[in-house]
């Protein structure tokens, strides 16, 4: 039997949220020698102790070899626990919450993906869908960029994003693409207070043609500067917040709703 694959998470928030979520197997927690165990570090050590995770202290230079962003903390863990696409469909069908999903068409940059997933978790997105090909997956760099938020999200990888869009349409979910094209409507002029799947395209290229054509409608962000494009993570985050604003920021989640958390 082949040994289980492992990866190294790094950064205080990434490691803490992975421990809090409890979805990965932890093989080892690593701390830099001489680091004070206070604040978030003390919380990490306590969470690891409760899960009986072995703790090892090493010279900081060993952590520097993993990433310059380790903040004195790393962990050896099992790979990211993607969910099945059907699990997301089942979750939104069984929830009292109005669906809010995020579909990403071939994002390539781990920083962009992580930043957008951080926003998605904060606004209560119930599921994220990534293509299996030509797109970055949930790597340790993505977990770090999301400040660990992705550990609490349902993320599925699909072979055919267009087919997933069609399945959502059959369930009366509106598929809305974010794209700066002439036929797109200003995002603040569109009713997003409805069962919604927001589609964000890749950096530079935007959405693929078939993905764009399958959207029910397209929205765009107004611009007045000399640059005619926005970072994908920034644009997607603004659109997600607008959808949440229209639903009511201070409205509590429905009882039994997923609140953007993993099941």
Protein backbone atom coordinates (compact mmCIF):
# COMPACT_ATOMS: atom_id res chain seq x y z
CA UNK A 1 0.00 0.00 0.00
CA UNK A 2 1.41 3.41 -0.98
CA UNK A 3 2.23 5.84 1.81
CA UNK A 4 -0.24 8.68 2.28
CA UNK A 5 0.81 11.92 0.64
CA UNK A 6 1.81 14.75 2.93
CA UNK A 7 2.43 18.46 2.61
CA UNK A 8 3.78 21.27 4.75
CA UNK A 9 1.51 24.08 5.89
CA UNK A 10 3.22 27.25 7.08
CA UNK A 11 2.17 30.47 8.75
CA UNK A 12 0.35 30.95 12.03
CA UNK A 13 -3.15 31.53 10.68
CA UNK A 14 -2.89 28.70 8.15
CA UNK A 15 -1.82 26.16 10.77
CA UNK A 16 -4.30 27.38 13.39
CA UNK A 17 -7.30 27.26 11.06
CA UNK A 18 -6.35 23.81 9.80
CA UNK A 19 -6.27 22.63 13.42
CA UNK A 20 -9.57 24.35 14.19
CA UNK A 21 -11.28 22.91 11.12
CA UNK A 22 -10.16 19.40 12.03
CA UNK A 23 -10.38 18.11 8.46
CA UNK A 24 -6.74 17.15 7.95
CA UNK A 25 -4.56 14.62 9.65
CA UNK A 26 -1.67 16.29 11.51
CA UNK A 27 1.58 14.35 11.67
CA UNK A 28 3.81 16.96 13.26
CA UNK A 29 3.82 20.58 14.46
CA UNK A 30 7.09 22.47 14.04
CA UNK A 31 8.01 25.66 15.89
CA UNK A 32 11.10 27.84 15.60
CA UNK A 33 13.41 27.55 18.59
CA UNK A 34 13.17 30.41 21.08
CA UNK A 35 9.73 31.59 19.92
CA UNK A 36 7.44 32.77 22.71
CA UNK A 37 4.34 30.65 23.15
CA UNK A 38 1.83 33.44 23.58
CA UNK A 39 -1.19 34.68 21.65
CA UNK A 40 -1.93 32.72 18.50
CA UNK A 41 1.14 30.50 19.00
CA UNK A 42 -0.14 29.41 22.41
CA UNK A 43 -3.50 28.65 20.80
CA UNK A 44 -1.82 26.53 18.12
CA UNK A 45 0.16 24.58 20.71
CA UNK A 46 -2.97 23.98 22.77
CA UNK A 47 -4.98 22.79 19.76
CA UNK A 48 -2.15 20.48 18.73
CA UNK A 49 -1.86 19.10 22.26
CA UNK A 50 -5.57 18.28 22.33
CA UNK A 51 -5.18 16.36 19.08
CA UNK A 52 -2.02 14.66 20.36
CA UNK A 53 0.09 16.09 17.56
CA UNK A 54 3.85 15.66 18.12
CA UNK A 55 5.68 18.98 18.60
CA UNK A 56 9.20 19.57 17.33
CA UNK A 57 11.38 22.67 17.73
CA UNK A 58 13.93 23.48 15.04
CA UNK A 59 16.31 26.28 14.12
CA UNK A 60 14.57 29.04 12.20
CA UNK A 61 16.76 28.43 9.14
CA UNK A 62 15.05 25.07 8.65
CA UNK A 63 11.69 26.80 8.40
CA UNK A 64 13.20 29.42 6.06
CA UNK A 65 13.78 26.59 3.59
CA UNK A 66 10.02 25.98 3.48
CA UNK A 67 8.91 29.60 3.02
CA UNK A 68 9.96 33.10 4.11
CA UNK A 69 6.39 33.53 5.35
CA UNK A 70 6.43 30.78 7.97
CA UNK A 71 6.18 33.13 11.01
CA UNK A 72 7.96 30.48 13.06
CA UNK A 73 5.23 27.86 12.57
CA UNK A 74 4.78 24.90 10.21
CA UNK A 75 2.97 21.58 10.23
CA UNK A 76 3.22 18.31 8.35
CA UNK A 77 -0.31 17.38 7.31
CA UNK A 78 -2.40 15.31 4.92
CA UNK A 79 -3.39 16.93 1.58
CA UNK A 80 -6.22 19.44 1.32
CA UNK A 81 -9.61 17.68 1.72
CA UNK A 82 -11.54 18.58 -1.41
CA UNK A 83 -15.22 17.66 -1.39
CA UNK A 84 -17.15 16.02 -4.20
CA UNK A 85 -19.16 18.32 -6.47
CA UNK A 86 -22.30 16.38 -5.54
CA UNK A 87 -21.66 17.22 -1.89
CA UNK A 88 -21.96 20.92 -2.67
CA UNK A 89 -25.20 20.36 -4.57
CA UNK A 90 -26.57 18.32 -1.67
CA UNK A 91 -25.53 21.01 0.81
CA UNK A 92 -27.32 23.86 -0.96
CA UNK A 93 -30.43 21.73 -1.50
CA UNK A 94 -30.60 20.89 2.21
CA UNK A 95 -29.86 24.38 3.48
CA UNK A 96 -32.32 27.08 4.48
CA UNK A 97 -29.79 29.63 3.18
CA UNK A 98 -30.20 31.05 -0.31
CA UNK A 99 -27.32 29.58 -2.36
CA UNK A 100 -24.17 31.67 -2.76
CA UNK A 101 -21.44 29.86 -4.69
CA UNK A 102 -18.14 30.85 -6.26
CA UNK A 103 -16.95 29.32 -9.55
CA UNK A 104 -13.40 30.08 -10.63
CA UNK A 105 -12.44 29.62 -14.27
CA UNK A 106 -8.74 28.78 -14.44
CA UNK A 107 -7.22 31.14 -11.91
CA UNK A 108 -3.46 30.63 -12.01
CA UNK A 109 -1.99 32.69 -9.18
CA UNK A 110 -1.97 31.18 -5.65
CA UNK A 111 -2.08 34.62 -4.05
CA UNK A 112 -5.18 35.60 -6.03
CA UNK A 113 -6.92 32.33 -5.24
CA UNK A 114 -6.09 32.54 -1.55
CA UNK A 115 -7.24 36.14 -1.26
CA UNK A 116 -10.51 35.42 -3.01
CA UNK A 117 -11.15 32.32 -0.88
CA UNK A 118 -10.58 34.40 2.24
CA UNK A 119 -13.35 36.76 1.14
CA UNK A 120 -15.56 33.83 0.15
CA UNK A 121 -15.38 32.35 3.63
CA UNK A 122 -16.04 35.68 5.31
CA UNK A 123 -19.22 36.39 3.31
CA UNK A 124 -20.59 32.88 3.79
CA UNK A 125 -20.03 31.25 0.40
CA UNK A 126 -21.41 27.72 0.62
CA UNK A 127 -19.18 26.12 -1.99
CA UNK A 128 -16.29 26.89 -4.33
CA UNK A 129 -15.71 25.12 -7.65
CA UNK A 130 -12.35 24.89 -9.44
CA UNK A 131 -11.49 23.20 -12.74
CA UNK A 132 -9.17 20.22 -12.43
CA UNK A 133 -7.06 21.39 -15.37
CA UNK A 134 -5.30 24.67 -16.17
CA UNK A 135 -5.98 26.08 -12.73
CA UNK A 136 -4.16 26.33 -9.43
CA UNK A 137 -5.42 24.02 -6.69
CA UNK A 138 -5.41 24.49 -2.93
CA UNK A 139 -1.69 24.39 -2.17
CA UNK A 140 0.02 25.41 1.08
CA UNK A 141 0.72 28.79 -0.57
CA UNK A 142 -3.03 29.22 -1.20
CA UNK A 143 -3.86 28.23 2.38
CA UNK A 144 -1.37 30.81 3.65
CA UNK A 145 -2.71 33.52 1.33
CA UNK A 146 -6.24 32.81 2.56
CA UNK A 147 -5.08 33.13 6.19
CA UNK A 148 -6.39 29.59 6.66
CA UNK A 149 -9.94 30.48 5.56
CA UNK A 150 -9.97 27.77 2.87
CA UNK A 151 -9.78 25.14 5.63
CA UNK A 152 -13.40 26.02 6.49
CA UNK A 153 -14.73 26.04 2.92
CA UNK A 154 -16.20 23.35 0.72
CA UNK A 155 -14.01 23.29 -2.36
CA UNK A 156 -14.67 20.91 -5.25
CA UNK A 157 -12.64 20.28 -8.40
CA UNK A 158 -14.57 19.40 -11.55
CA UNK A 159 -13.57 18.14 -14.97
CA UNK A 160 -16.15 20.27 -16.79
CA UNK A 161 -17.03 23.68 -15.34
CA UNK A 162 -19.72 24.32 -17.97
CA UNK A 163 -21.50 21.12 -16.99
CA UNK A 164 -21.43 22.22 -13.35
CA UNK A 165 -22.98 25.53 -14.37
CA UNK A 166 -25.77 23.71 -16.17
CA UNK A 167 -26.46 21.57 -13.11
CA UNK A 168 -26.80 24.71 -11.02
CA UNK A 169 -29.20 26.26 -13.52
CA UNK A 170 -31.42 23.18 -13.27
CA UNK A 171 -31.65 23.95 -9.55
CA UNK A 172 -32.75 27.54 -10.24
CA UNK A 173 -29.39 29.05 -9.35
CA UNK A 174 -28.48 32.12 -11.40
CA UNK A 175 -25.00 31.90 -12.90
CA UNK A 176 -23.52 35.40 -13.10
CA UNK A 177 -20.15 36.05 -14.72
CA UNK A 178 -17.82 38.87 -13.75
CA UNK A 179 -16.26 40.21 -16.94
CA UNK A 180 -15.33 43.67 -18.24
CA UNK A 181 -17.03 43.43 -21.64
CA UNK A 182 -19.43 45.88 -23.35
CA UNK A 183 -22.53 43.71 -22.83
CA UNK A 184 -21.92 43.36 -19.07
CA UNK A 185 -24.07 45.44 -16.71
CA UNK A 186 -22.67 47.51 -13.83
CA UNK A 187 -22.65 45.22 -10.79
CA UNK A 188 -24.50 47.70 -8.57
CA UNK A 189 -27.39 47.88 -11.06
CA UNK A 190 -28.07 44.13 -10.92
CA UNK A 191 -30.19 42.24 -8.39
CA UNK A 192 -27.81 39.76 -6.75
CA UNK A 193 -30.21 38.94 -3.92
CA UNK A 194 -31.09 35.60 -5.50
CA UNK A 195 -29.73 32.04 -5.64
CA UNK A 196 -26.34 32.94 -7.07
CA UNK A 197 -23.20 31.37 -8.49
CA UNK A 198 -20.60 34.03 -9.24
CA UNK A 199 -18.09 33.12 -11.95
CA UNK A 200 -14.66 34.78 -11.94
CA UNK A 201 -12.26 34.27 -14.84
CA UNK A 202 -8.50 33.92 -14.94
CA UNK A 203 -5.96 36.70 -14.66
CA UNK A 204 -5.55 38.48 -17.98
CA UNK A 205 -7.68 36.13 -20.08
CA UNK A 206 -10.94 36.30 -18.16
CA UNK A 207 -13.51 33.57 -18.67
CA UNK A 208 -13.23 31.05 -21.47
CA UNK A 209 -15.73 31.58 -24.29
CA UNK A 210 -17.99 28.60 -23.48
CA UNK A 211 -18.05 29.54 -19.80
CA UNK A 212 -18.97 33.13 -20.63
CA UNK A 213 -21.72 32.04 -23.04
CA UNK A 214 -23.32 29.78 -20.41
CA UNK A 215 -23.69 32.60 -17.88
CA UNK A 216 -27.22 33.90 -17.37
CA UNK A 217 -25.86 37.44 -17.32
CA UNK A 218 -22.58 39.31 -17.03
CA UNK A 219 -21.65 42.06 -14.61
CA UNK A 220 -18.70 44.43 -14.47
CA UNK A 221 -17.16 46.96 -12.11
CA UNK A 222 -17.13 50.61 -13.24
CA UNK A 223 -13.66 52.08 -13.85
CA UNK A 224 -12.46 55.61 -14.52
CA UNK A 225 -8.67 55.37 -14.35
CA UNK A 226 -6.14 54.80 -17.09
CA UNK A 227 -5.93 51.07 -16.35
CA UNK A 228 -8.91 49.12 -17.70
CA UNK A 229 -8.67 46.00 -15.56
CA UNK A 230 -8.77 44.92 -11.92
CA UNK A 231 -6.99 42.14 -10.09
CA UNK A 232 -9.18 39.03 -10.23
CA UNK A 233 -9.20 38.62 -6.44
CA UNK A 234 -10.09 42.28 -5.87
CA UNK A 235 -12.88 42.30 -8.46
CA UNK A 236 -14.30 39.01 -7.23
CA UNK A 237 -14.21 40.16 -3.62
CA UNK A 238 -16.08 43.37 -4.45
CA UNK A 239 -18.78 41.40 -6.28
CA UNK A 240 -19.11 38.91 -3.41
CA UNK A 241 -19.50 41.73 -0.91
CA UNK A 242 -22.15 43.36 -3.08
CA UNK A 243 -24.11 40.11 -3.15
CA UNK A 244 -23.82 39.89 0.64
CA UNK A 245 -24.77 43.55 1.05
CA UNK A 246 -27.93 43.03 -0.97
CA UNK A 247 -28.82 40.07 1.23
CA UNK A 248 -28.37 42.16 4.36
CA UNK A 249 -25.04 42.33 6.19
CA UNK A 250 -26.60 42.06 9.63
CA UNK A 251 -29.08 39.33 8.77
CA UNK A 252 -28.18 36.22 10.81
CA UNK A 253 -27.66 32.95 8.89
CA UNK A 254 -30.64 30.61 8.73
CA UNK A 255 -30.71 28.03 11.48
CA UNK A 256 -28.97 24.91 10.28
CA UNK A 257 -27.34 26.75 7.39
CA UNK A 258 -23.73 25.95 6.54
CA UNK A 259 -22.45 29.51 7.19
CA UNK A 260 -19.74 28.82 4.65
CA UNK A 261 -18.25 26.04 6.79
CA UNK A 262 -17.24 22.59 5.74
CA UNK A 263 -19.31 19.55 6.60
